[in-house]
């Protein structure tokens, strides 16, 4: 399948923090963005709540329950085991590639 490049502009400090977290998760930022894009396309929605006022932000449990309820109510197919395994293989390949360049 043909691939396209996407450029995302981030604050340098935010990018550094994101890269560190992705590394801790065992994946590249590219893999993380791909997972996000697939979740958006699959659910046809942003997979988290966007709010304007932090004072009204729901608890982590509330967010989890909202996501769980949305997933249960969704008619969209879940990721197949093959898709999940493909993401894991891609993340591991990226990690090995990164480790070889160090």
C-alpha atoms as a PDB file:
ATOM      1  CA  UNK A   1       0.000   0.000   0.000  1.00  0.00           C
ATOM      2  CA  UNK A   2       1.294   3.462  -0.884  1.00  0.00           C
ATOM      3  CA  UNK A   3       2.368   5.606   2.030  1.00  0.00           C
ATOM      4  CA  UNK A   4       2.272   9.360   2.571  1.00  0.00           C
ATOM      5  CA  UNK A   5       4.337  11.559   4.850  1.00  0.00           C
ATOM      6  CA  UNK A   6       2.743  13.879   7.398  1.00  0.00           C
ATOM      7  CA  UNK A   7       4.549  16.761   9.095  1.00  0.00           C
ATOM      8  CA  UNK A   8       3.515  17.770  12.610  1.00  0.00           C
ATOM      9  CA  UNK A   9       4.851  20.887  14.305  1.00  0.00           C
ATOM     10  CA  UNK A  10       5.370  20.599  18.053  1.00  0.00           C
ATOM     11  CA  UNK A  11       7.030  22.655  20.731  1.00  0.00           C
ATOM     12  CA  UNK A  12      10.578  21.275  21.114  1.00  0.00           C
ATOM     13  CA  UNK A  13      10.114  20.425  24.794  1.00  0.00           C
ATOM     14  CA  UNK A  14       6.778  18.715  24.103  1.00  0.00           C
ATOM     15  CA  UNK A  15       8.355  16.668  21.287  1.00  0.00           C
ATOM     16  CA  UNK A  16      11.193  15.626  23.569  1.00  0.00           C
ATOM     17  CA  UNK A  17       8.744  14.509  26.265  1.00  0.00           C
ATOM     18  CA  UNK A  18       6.623  12.673  23.685  1.00  0.00           C
ATOM     19  CA  UNK A  19       9.671  10.896  22.241  1.00  0.00           C
ATOM     20  CA  UNK A  20      10.772   9.836  25.737  1.00  0.00           C
ATOM     21  CA  UNK A  21       7.338   8.440  26.564  1.00  0.00           C
ATOM     22  CA  UNK A  22       7.085   6.616  23.247  1.00  0.00           C
ATOM     23  CA  UNK A  23      10.498   5.113  23.912  1.00  0.00           C
ATOM     24  CA  UNK A  24       9.290   3.926  27.331  1.00  0.00           C
ATOM     25  CA  UNK A  25       6.258   2.389  25.592  1.00  0.00           C
ATOM     26  CA  UNK A  26       8.631   0.554  23.262  1.00  0.00           C
ATOM     27  CA  UNK A  27       7.562   2.391  20.125  1.00  0.00           C
ATOM     28  CA  UNK A  28       8.531   5.316  17.963  1.00  0.00           C
ATOM     29  CA  UNK A  29       6.567   8.532  17.715  1.00  0.00           C
ATOM     30  CA  UNK A  30       5.704   7.454  14.170  1.00  0.00           C
ATOM     31  CA  UNK A  31       4.127   4.233  15.477  1.00  0.00           C
ATOM     32  CA  UNK A  32       2.216   6.195  18.136  1.00  0.00           C
ATOM     33  CA  UNK A  33       0.796   8.543  15.496  1.00  0.00           C
ATOM     34  CA  UNK A  34      -0.168   5.574  13.320  1.00  0.00           C
ATOM     35  CA  UNK A  35      -2.008   3.992  16.254  1.00  0.00           C
ATOM     36  CA  UNK A  36      -3.814   7.299  16.881  1.00  0.00           C
ATOM     37  CA  UNK A  37      -4.803   7.678  13.217  1.00  0.00           C
ATOM     38  CA  UNK A  38      -6.102   4.099  13.038  1.00  0.00           C
ATOM     39  CA  UNK A  39      -8.156   4.643  16.205  1.00  0.00           C
ATOM     40  CA  UNK A  40      -9.667   7.858  14.784  1.00  0.00           C
ATOM     41  CA  UNK A  41     -10.518   6.208  11.466  1.00  0.00           C
ATOM     42  CA  UNK A  42     -11.894   3.067  13.130  1.00  0.00           C
ATOM     43  CA  UNK A  43     -14.080   4.958  15.623  1.00  0.00           C
ATOM     44  CA  UNK A  44     -14.744   7.947  13.339  1.00  0.00           C
ATOM     45  CA  UNK A  45     -14.075  10.167  16.368  1.00  0.00           C
ATOM     46  CA  UNK A  46     -11.232  11.568  18.439  1.00  0.00           C
ATOM     47  CA  UNK A  47     -10.530   8.791  20.976  1.00  0.00           C
ATOM     48  CA  UNK A  48     -10.497  11.093  23.993  1.00  0.00           C
ATOM     49  CA  UNK A  49     -12.581  13.898  25.448  1.00  0.00           C
ATOM     50  CA  UNK A  50     -11.638  17.461  24.530  1.00  0.00           C
ATOM     51  CA  UNK A  51     -12.722  20.030  27.097  1.00  0.00           C
ATOM     52  CA  UNK A  52     -12.282  23.764  27.361  1.00  0.00           C
ATOM     53  CA  UNK A  53     -12.077  24.169  31.142  1.00  0.00           C
ATOM     54  CA  UNK A  54      -9.563  22.118  33.136  1.00  0.00           C
ATOM     55  CA  UNK A  55     -11.539  22.766  36.318  1.00  0.00           C
ATOM     56  CA  UNK A  56     -14.342  20.597  34.919  1.00  0.00           C
ATOM     57  CA  UNK A  57     -12.002  17.838  33.753  1.00  0.00           C
ATOM     58  CA  UNK A  58     -13.298  14.351  34.542  1.00  0.00           C
ATOM     59  CA  UNK A  59     -11.321  11.912  36.644  1.00  0.00           C
ATOM     60  CA  UNK A  60      -9.259   9.170  35.045  1.00  0.00           C
ATOM     61  CA  UNK A  61     -11.946   6.673  36.040  1.00  0.00           C
ATOM     62  CA  UNK A  62     -14.653   8.803  34.405  1.00  0.00           C
ATOM     63  CA  UNK A  63     -12.613   8.998  31.208  1.00  0.00           C
ATOM     64  CA  UNK A  64     -12.004   5.254  31.249  1.00  0.00           C
ATOM     65  CA  UNK A  65     -15.705   4.546  31.716  1.00  0.00           C
ATOM     66  CA  UNK A  66     -16.618   6.952  28.888  1.00  0.00           C
ATOM     67  CA  UNK A  67     -14.159   5.206  26.564  1.00  0.00           C
ATOM     68  CA  UNK A  68     -15.397   1.783  27.646  1.00  0.00           C
ATOM     69  CA  UNK A  69     -19.039   2.752  27.105  1.00  0.00           C
ATOM     70  CA  UNK A  70     -18.255   4.281  23.715  1.00  0.00           C
ATOM     71  CA  UNK A  71     -16.367   1.151  22.661  1.00  0.00           C
ATOM     72  CA  UNK A  72     -19.227  -1.092  23.759  1.00  0.00           C
ATOM     73  CA  UNK A  73     -21.816   1.061  21.953  1.00  0.00           C
ATOM     74  CA  UNK A  74     -19.737   1.389  18.792  1.00  0.00           C
ATOM     75  CA  UNK A  75     -20.684  -0.533  15.691  1.00  0.00           C
ATOM     76  CA  UNK A  76     -17.151  -0.140  14.426  1.00  0.00           C
ATOM     77  CA  UNK A  77     -15.090  -3.312  14.353  1.00  0.00           C
ATOM     78  CA  UNK A  78     -12.387  -3.689  16.962  1.00  0.00           C
ATOM     79  CA  UNK A  79      -8.792  -4.187  15.900  1.00  0.00           C
ATOM     80  CA  UNK A  80      -8.205  -7.760  14.921  1.00  0.00           C
ATOM     81  CA  UNK A  81      -5.528  -9.800  16.619  1.00  0.00           C
ATOM     82  CA  UNK A  82      -3.556  -9.659  13.369  1.00  0.00           C
ATOM     83  CA  UNK A  83      -3.725  -5.831  13.374  1.00  0.00           C
ATOM     84  CA  UNK A  84      -2.618  -5.682  17.002  1.00  0.00           C
ATOM     85  CA  UNK A  85       0.251  -8.079  16.318  1.00  0.00           C
ATOM     86  CA  UNK A  86       1.270  -6.056  13.252  1.00  0.00           C
ATOM     87  CA  UNK A  87       1.469  -2.914  15.420  1.00  0.00           C
ATOM     88  CA  UNK A  88       3.557  -4.761  18.010  1.00  0.00           C
ATOM     89  CA  UNK A  89       5.910  -6.093  15.312  1.00  0.00           C
ATOM     90  CA  UNK A  90       6.295  -2.593  13.837  1.00  0.00           C
ATOM     91  CA  UNK A  91       7.058  -1.113  17.268  1.00  0.00           C
ATOM     92  CA  UNK A  92       9.635  -3.810  17.999  1.00  0.00           C
ATOM     93  CA  UNK A  93      11.237  -3.323  14.577  1.00  0.00           C
ATOM     94  CA  UNK A  94      11.483   0.443  15.212  1.00  0.00           C
ATOM     95  CA  UNK A  95      12.996  -0.187  18.665  1.00  0.00           C
ATOM     96  CA  UNK A  96      15.601  -2.606  17.246  1.00  0.00           C
ATOM     97  CA  UNK A  97      16.402  -0.155  14.472  1.00  0.00           C
ATOM     98  CA  UNK A  98      16.845   2.645  17.017  1.00  0.00           C
ATOM     99  CA  UNK A  99      19.034   0.475  19.262  1.00  0.00           C
ATOM    100  CA  UNK A 100      21.290  -0.417  16.318  1.00  0.00           C
ATOM    101  CA  UNK A 101      21.961   3.263  15.597  1.00  0.00           C
ATOM    102  CA  UNK A 102      22.984   3.998  19.202  1.00  0.00           C
END
